């Protein structure tokens, strides 16, 4: 298996065996009914004995995402510096076929970006596996509600409201304007 690391790719050997894996001693499957309510950022687990509210994403993802955004900015800056002919004056990419020059710095940054993507997916999978194990340890009959992801993505239908605040602004030329504030 090939996995990206900061400077290069590393290769690992994966061994696959036939049959069922042995059950680990510290894993217990609970009995009973478990209800799950998934929200945009948290998951609520309800059983007869307890109610648990857990985040869906671990807190370590925030720092990793900041690192990814910083590297993406560096990559974009490097790509723009080495390929100025492929961009319009307003900063957008020109239409048509282009030849992209990738500098060594760009290649190193891209390799580091792949590394951080791999780390992020590792932490997310580890957190969600722990969450699944804790849910299954509380009960074997799991019930979830139907989730309307499209409704989460929609913006609020509520129209903007006009407030009572009216502000007067004087411009550089000396004119005064009255501005109404909106929510």
C-alpha atoms as a PDB file:
ATOM      1  CA  UNK A   1       0.000   0.000   0.000  1.00  0.00           C
ATOM      2  CA  UNK A   2       1.345   3.415  -0.911  1.00  0.00           C
ATOM      3  CA  UNK A   3       0.736   6.239   1.619  1.00  0.00           C
ATOM      4  CA  UNK A   4       1.787   9.886   1.261  1.00  0.00           C
ATOM      5  CA  UNK A   5       4.156  11.361   3.851  1.00  0.00           C
ATOM      6  CA  UNK A   6       5.565  14.879   4.136  1.00  0.00           C
ATOM      7  CA  UNK A   7       8.511  14.439   1.782  1.00  0.00           C
ATOM      8  CA  UNK A   8       7.732  11.321  -0.249  1.00  0.00           C
ATOM      9  CA  UNK A   9       5.598   8.225  -0.542  1.00  0.00           C
ATOM     10  CA  UNK A  10       6.044   5.308   1.838  1.00  0.00           C
ATOM     11  CA  UNK A  11       5.129   1.749   0.968  1.00  0.00           C
ATOM     12  CA  UNK A  12       3.597  -0.772   3.363  1.00  0.00           C
ATOM     13  CA  UNK A  13       2.796  -4.467   3.093  1.00  0.00           C
ATOM     14  CA  UNK A  14      -0.759  -5.513   3.847  1.00  0.00           C
ATOM     15  CA  UNK A  15      -1.455  -9.116   4.810  1.00  0.00           C
ATOM     16  CA  UNK A  16      -5.001 -10.423   4.396  1.00  0.00           C
ATOM     17  CA  UNK A  17      -6.170 -13.646   6.062  1.00  0.00           C
ATOM     18  CA  UNK A  18      -9.280 -15.696   5.295  1.00  0.00           C
ATOM     19  CA  UNK A  19     -11.942 -16.331   7.925  1.00  0.00           C
ATOM     20  CA  UNK A  20     -13.485 -14.389  10.787  1.00  0.00           C
ATOM     21  CA  UNK A  21     -11.312 -12.263  13.072  1.00  0.00           C
ATOM     22  CA  UNK A  22     -11.166 -13.264  16.737  1.00  0.00           C
ATOM     23  CA  UNK A  23     -13.432 -11.306  19.074  1.00  0.00           C
ATOM     24  CA  UNK A  24     -11.406  -9.036  21.328  1.00  0.00           C
ATOM     25  CA  UNK A  25     -11.888  -9.429  25.075  1.00  0.00           C
ATOM     26  CA  UNK A  26     -12.576  -5.741  25.731  1.00  0.00           C
ATOM     27  CA  UNK A  27     -15.419  -5.550  23.178  1.00  0.00           C
ATOM     28  CA  UNK A  28     -18.889  -6.147  24.563  1.00  0.00           C
ATOM     29  CA  UNK A  29     -22.071  -5.913  22.556  1.00  0.00           C
ATOM     30  CA  UNK A  30     -24.879  -4.400  24.570  1.00  0.00           C
ATOM     31  CA  UNK A  31     -28.475  -5.551  24.524  1.00  0.00           C
ATOM     32  CA  UNK A  32     -31.451  -3.294  24.145  1.00  0.00           C
ATOM     33  CA  UNK A  33     -32.661  -0.468  21.969  1.00  0.00           C
ATOM     34  CA  UNK A  34     -30.519   2.547  21.107  1.00  0.00           C
ATOM     35  CA  UNK A  35     -31.833   5.708  19.457  1.00  0.00           C
ATOM     36  CA  UNK A  36     -29.579   7.988  17.438  1.00  0.00           C
ATOM     37  CA  UNK A  37     -30.313  11.577  16.428  1.00  0.00           C
ATOM     38  CA  UNK A  38     -27.693  12.966  14.046  1.00  0.00           C
ATOM     39  CA  UNK A  39     -27.304  16.730  13.769  1.00  0.00           C
ATOM     40  CA  UNK A  40     -25.013  18.867  11.630  1.00  0.00           C
ATOM     41  CA  UNK A  41     -22.221  18.837  14.217  1.00  0.00           C
ATOM     42  CA  UNK A  42     -23.300  16.502  17.031  1.00  0.00           C
ATOM     43  CA  UNK A  43     -24.847  13.094  17.505  1.00  0.00           C
ATOM     44  CA  UNK A  44     -27.210  12.255  20.358  1.00  0.00           C
ATOM     45  CA  UNK A  45     -27.316   8.643  21.593  1.00  0.00           C
ATOM     46  CA  UNK A  46     -30.285   7.676  23.787  1.00  0.00           C
ATOM     47  CA  UNK A  47     -30.657   4.416  25.723  1.00  0.00           C
ATOM     48  CA  UNK A  48     -32.741   3.301  28.698  1.00  0.00           C
ATOM     49  CA  UNK A  49     -29.872   4.145  31.063  1.00  0.00           C
ATOM     50  CA  UNK A  50     -28.132   7.162  29.548  1.00  0.00           C
ATOM     51  CA  UNK A  51     -28.198  10.034  27.093  1.00  0.00           C
ATOM     52  CA  UNK A  52     -24.930  10.967  25.380  1.00  0.00           C
ATOM     53  CA  UNK A  53     -24.200  14.011  23.219  1.00  0.00           C
ATOM     54  CA  UNK A  54     -20.978  13.624  21.180  1.00  0.00           C
ATOM     55  CA  UNK A  55     -19.413  15.747  18.431  1.00  0.00           C
ATOM     56  CA  UNK A  56     -19.347  14.094  15.010  1.00  0.00           C
ATOM     57  CA  UNK A  57     -15.936  15.556  14.192  1.00  0.00           C
ATOM     58  CA  UNK A  58     -12.985  15.475  16.602  1.00  0.00           C
ATOM     59  CA  UNK A  59     -11.533  18.768  17.823  1.00  0.00           C
ATOM     60  CA  UNK A  60      -8.150  17.911  16.278  1.00  0.00           C
ATOM     61  CA  UNK A  61      -9.643  18.429  12.805  1.00  0.00           C
ATOM     62  CA  UNK A  62      -9.773  22.210  13.320  1.00  0.00           C
ATOM     63  CA  UNK A  63      -5.995  22.508  13.593  1.00  0.00           C
ATOM     64  CA  UNK A  64      -5.459  20.080  10.712  1.00  0.00           C
ATOM     65  CA  UNK A  65      -7.917  22.019   8.525  1.00  0.00           C
ATOM     66  CA  UNK A  66      -6.054  25.259   9.297  1.00  0.00           C
ATOM     67  CA  UNK A  67      -2.824  23.570   8.217  1.00  0.00           C
ATOM     68  CA  UNK A  68      -4.466  22.348   4.991  1.00  0.00           C
ATOM     69  CA  UNK A  69      -5.799  25.830   4.162  1.00  0.00           C
ATOM     70  CA  UNK A  70      -2.378  27.383   4.748  1.00  0.00           C
ATOM     71  CA  UNK A  71      -0.709  24.859   2.431  1.00  0.00           C
ATOM     72  CA  UNK A  72      -3.393  25.374  -0.221  1.00  0.00           C
ATOM     73  CA  UNK A  73      -2.684  29.116  -0.151  1.00  0.00           C
ATOM     74  CA  UNK A  74       1.044  28.467  -0.560  1.00  0.00           C
ATOM     75  CA  UNK A  75       0.333  26.105  -3.464  1.00  0.00           C
ATOM     76  CA  UNK A  76      -1.865  28.680  -5.188  1.00  0.00           C
ATOM     77  CA  UNK A  77       0.742  31.395  -4.704  1.00  0.00           C
ATOM     78  CA  UNK A  78       3.464  29.142  -6.130  1.00  0.00           C
ATOM     79  CA  UNK A  79       1.311  28.114  -9.102  1.00  0.00           C
ATOM     80  CA  UNK A  80       0.460  31.746  -9.898  1.00  0.00           C
ATOM     81  CA  UNK A  81       4.114  32.801  -9.643  1.00  0.00           C
ATOM     82  CA  UNK A  82       5.345  30.096 -12.036  1.00  0.00           C
ATOM     83  CA  UNK A  83       2.435  30.366 -14.503  1.00  0.00           C
ATOM     84  CA  UNK A  84       1.546  34.080 -14.872  1.00  0.00           C
ATOM     85  CA  UNK A  85       0.484  33.586 -18.520  1.00  0.00           C
ATOM     86  CA  UNK A  86      -2.331  31.213 -17.529  1.00  0.00           C
ATOM     87  CA  UNK A  87      -4.235  33.854 -15.511  1.00  0.00           C
ATOM     88  CA  UNK A  88      -6.315  36.871 -16.511  1.00  0.00           C
ATOM     89  CA  UNK A  89      -5.667  40.300 -14.995  1.00  0.00           C
ATOM     90  CA  UNK A  90      -8.549  39.786 -12.532  1.00  0.00           C
ATOM     91  CA  UNK A  91      -6.940  36.589 -11.206  1.00  0.00           C
ATOM     92  CA  UNK A  92      -9.174  34.024 -12.907  1.00  0.00           C
ATOM     93  CA  UNK A  93      -7.806  31.173 -15.005  1.00  0.00           C
ATOM     94  CA  UNK A  94      -7.787  31.776 -18.764  1.00  0.00           C
ATOM     95  CA  UNK A  95      -9.984  29.589 -20.947  1.00  0.00           C
ATOM     96  CA  UNK A  96      -8.550  27.014 -23.284  1.00  0.00           C
ATOM     97  CA  UNK A  97      -5.675  24.555 -23.145  1.00  0.00           C
ATOM     98  CA  UNK A  98      -2.730  25.621 -21.023  1.00  0.00           C
ATOM     99  CA  UNK A  99       0.678  24.254 -20.137  1.00  0.00           C
ATOM    100  CA  UNK A 100       1.198  24.283 -16.368  1.00  0.00           C
ATOM    101  CA  UNK A 101       4.723  24.462 -15.011  1.00  0.00           C
ATOM    102  CA  UNK A 102       5.112  22.797 -11.643  1.00  0.00           C
ATOM    103  CA  UNK A 103       8.104  23.986  -9.640  1.00  0.00           C
ATOM    104  CA  UNK A 104       9.931  21.767  -7.167  1.00  0.00           C
ATOM    105  CA  UNK A 105       8.538  23.877  -4.313  1.00  0.00           C
ATOM    106  CA  UNK A 106       5.033  23.318  -5.691  1.00  0.00           C
ATOM    107  CA  UNK A 107       5.620  19.541  -5.831  1.00  0.00           C
ATOM    108  CA  UNK A 108       6.864  19.454  -2.231  1.00  0.00           C
ATOM    109  CA  UNK A 109       3.870  21.458  -1.037  1.00  0.00           C
ATOM    110  CA  UNK A 110       1.501  19.167  -2.912  1.00  0.00           C
ATOM    111  CA  UNK A 111       3.111  16.133  -1.304  1.00  0.00           C
ATOM    112  CA  UNK A 112       2.707  17.744   2.119  1.00  0.00           C
ATOM    113  CA  UNK A 113      -0.943  18.502   1.321  1.00  0.00           C
ATOM    114  CA  UNK A 114      -1.559  14.826   0.507  1.00  0.00           C
ATOM    115  CA  UNK A 115       0.056  13.934   3.837  1.00  0.00           C
ATOM    116  CA  UNK A 116      -2.265  16.244   5.778  1.00  0.00           C
ATOM    117  CA  UNK A 117      -5.312  14.861   3.912  1.00  0.00           C
ATOM    118  CA  UNK A 118      -4.242  11.370   4.972  1.00  0.00           C
ATOM    119  CA  UNK A 119      -3.792  12.465   8.613  1.00  0.00           C
ATOM    120  CA  UNK A 120      -7.207  14.156   8.603  1.00  0.00           C
ATOM    121  CA  UNK A 121      -8.954  11.060   7.252  1.00  0.00           C
ATOM    122  CA  UNK A 122      -7.118   8.901   9.822  1.00  0.00           C
ATOM    123  CA  UNK A 123      -8.271  11.030  12.789  1.00  0.00           C
ATOM    124  CA  UNK A 124     -11.827  11.229  11.449  1.00  0.00           C
ATOM    125  CA  UNK A 125     -12.044   7.454  10.914  1.00  0.00           C
ATOM    126  CA  UNK A 126     -10.571   6.770  14.353  1.00  0.00           C
ATOM    127  CA  UNK A 127     -13.046   9.122  16.062  1.00  0.00           C
ATOM    128  CA  UNK A 128     -16.032   7.701  14.211  1.00  0.00           C
ATOM    129  CA  UNK A 129     -14.941   4.101  14.924  1.00  0.00           C
ATOM    130  CA  UNK A 130     -14.776   4.920  18.632  1.00  0.00           C
ATOM    131  CA  UNK A 131     -18.243   6.444  18.394  1.00  0.00           C
ATOM    132  CA  UNK A 132     -19.635   3.347  16.659  1.00  0.00           C
ATOM    133  CA  UNK A 133     -18.073   1.034  19.270  1.00  0.00           C
ATOM    134  CA  UNK A 134     -19.545   3.070  22.114  1.00  0.00           C
ATOM    135  CA  UNK A 135     -22.996   2.957  20.483  1.00  0.00           C
ATOM    136  CA  UNK A 136     -22.841  -0.810  19.894  1.00  0.00           C
ATOM    137  CA  UNK A 137     -21.656  -1.395  23.467  1.00  0.00           C
ATOM    138  CA  UNK A 138     -24.935   0.164  24.696  1.00  0.00           C
ATOM    139  CA  UNK A 139     -27.358  -1.840  22.577  1.00  0.00           C
ATOM    140  CA  UNK A 140     -27.833  -4.126  19.603  1.00  0.00           C
ATOM    141  CA  UNK A 141     -31.077  -2.679  18.204  1.00  0.00           C
ATOM    142  CA  UNK A 142     -30.132   0.715  16.741  1.00  0.00           C
ATOM    143  CA  UNK A 143     -32.816   3.096  15.456  1.00  0.00           C
ATOM    144  CA  UNK A 144     -32.126   6.343  13.611  1.00  0.00           C
ATOM    145  CA  UNK A 145     -34.403   9.020  12.241  1.00  0.00           C
ATOM    146  CA  UNK A 146     -34.588   9.836   8.550  1.00  0.00           C
ATOM    147  CA  UNK A 147     -32.284  12.748   7.778  1.00  0.00           C
ATOM    148  CA  UNK A 148     -33.123  15.357   5.165  1.00  0.00           C
ATOM    149  CA  UNK A 149     -29.664  16.588   4.189  1.00  0.00           C
ATOM    150  CA  UNK A 150     -31.137  18.853   1.509  1.00  0.00           C
ATOM    151  CA  UNK A 151     -33.081  20.728   4.178  1.00  0.00           C
ATOM    152  CA  UNK A 152     -29.832  21.278   6.093  1.00  0.00           C
ATOM    153  CA  UNK A 153     -28.223  22.723   2.980  1.00  0.00           C
ATOM    154  CA  UNK A 154     -31.085  25.112   2.211  1.00  0.00           C
ATOM    155  CA  UNK A 155     -30.850  28.664   3.413  1.00  0.00           C
ATOM    156  CA  UNK A 156     -33.496  30.133   5.636  1.00  0.00           C
ATOM    157  CA  UNK A 157     -36.607  31.241   3.765  1.00  0.00           C
ATOM    158  CA  UNK A 158     -37.127  34.092   6.235  1.00  0.00           C
ATOM    159  CA  UNK A 159     -36.958  37.439   4.444  1.00  0.00           C
ATOM    160  CA  UNK A 160     -34.616  40.140   5.635  1.00  0.00           C
ATOM    161  CA  UNK A 161     -36.159  42.385   8.234  1.00  0.00           C
ATOM    162  CA  UNK A 162     -35.744  46.117   8.311  1.00  0.00           C
ATOM    163  CA  UNK A 163     -34.622  47.444  11.688  1.00  0.00           C
ATOM    164  CA  UNK A 164     -35.415  50.821  13.205  1.00  0.00           C
ATOM    165  CA  UNK A 165     -31.782  51.923  12.983  1.00  0.00           C
ATOM    166  CA  UNK A 166     -31.158  54.729  10.524  1.00  0.00           C
ATOM    167  CA  UNK A 167     -27.581  55.899  10.175  1.00  0.00           C
ATOM    168  CA  UNK A 168     -26.393  59.081   8.500  1.00  0.00           C
ATOM    169  CA  UNK A 169     -23.094  58.833   6.675  1.00  0.00           C
ATOM    170  CA  UNK A 170     -21.042  61.741   5.343  1.00  0.00           C
ATOM    171  CA  UNK A 171     -18.942  60.970   2.280  1.00  0.00           C
ATOM    172  CA  UNK A 172     -15.543  62.478   1.396  1.00  0.00           C
ATOM    173  CA  UNK A 173     -17.218  64.958  -0.929  1.00  0.00           C
ATOM    174  CA  UNK A 174     -19.352  66.287   1.961  1.00  0.00           C
ATOM    175  CA  UNK A 175     -22.674  64.679   1.007  1.00  0.00           C
ATOM    176  CA  UNK A 176     -24.805  63.108   3.730  1.00  0.00           C
ATOM    177  CA  UNK A 177     -26.659  59.835   3.150  1.00  0.00           C
ATOM    178  CA  UNK A 178     -29.183  58.053   5.324  1.00  0.00           C
ATOM    179  CA  UNK A 179     -28.854  54.288   5.451  1.00  0.00           C
ATOM    180  CA  UNK A 180     -31.379  51.778   6.859  1.00  0.00           C
ATOM    181  CA  UNK A 181     -30.015  48.655   8.535  1.00  0.00           C
ATOM    182  CA  UNK A 182     -31.299  45.170   7.687  1.00  0.00           C
ATOM    183  CA  UNK A 183     -31.040  41.900   9.576  1.00  0.00           C
END
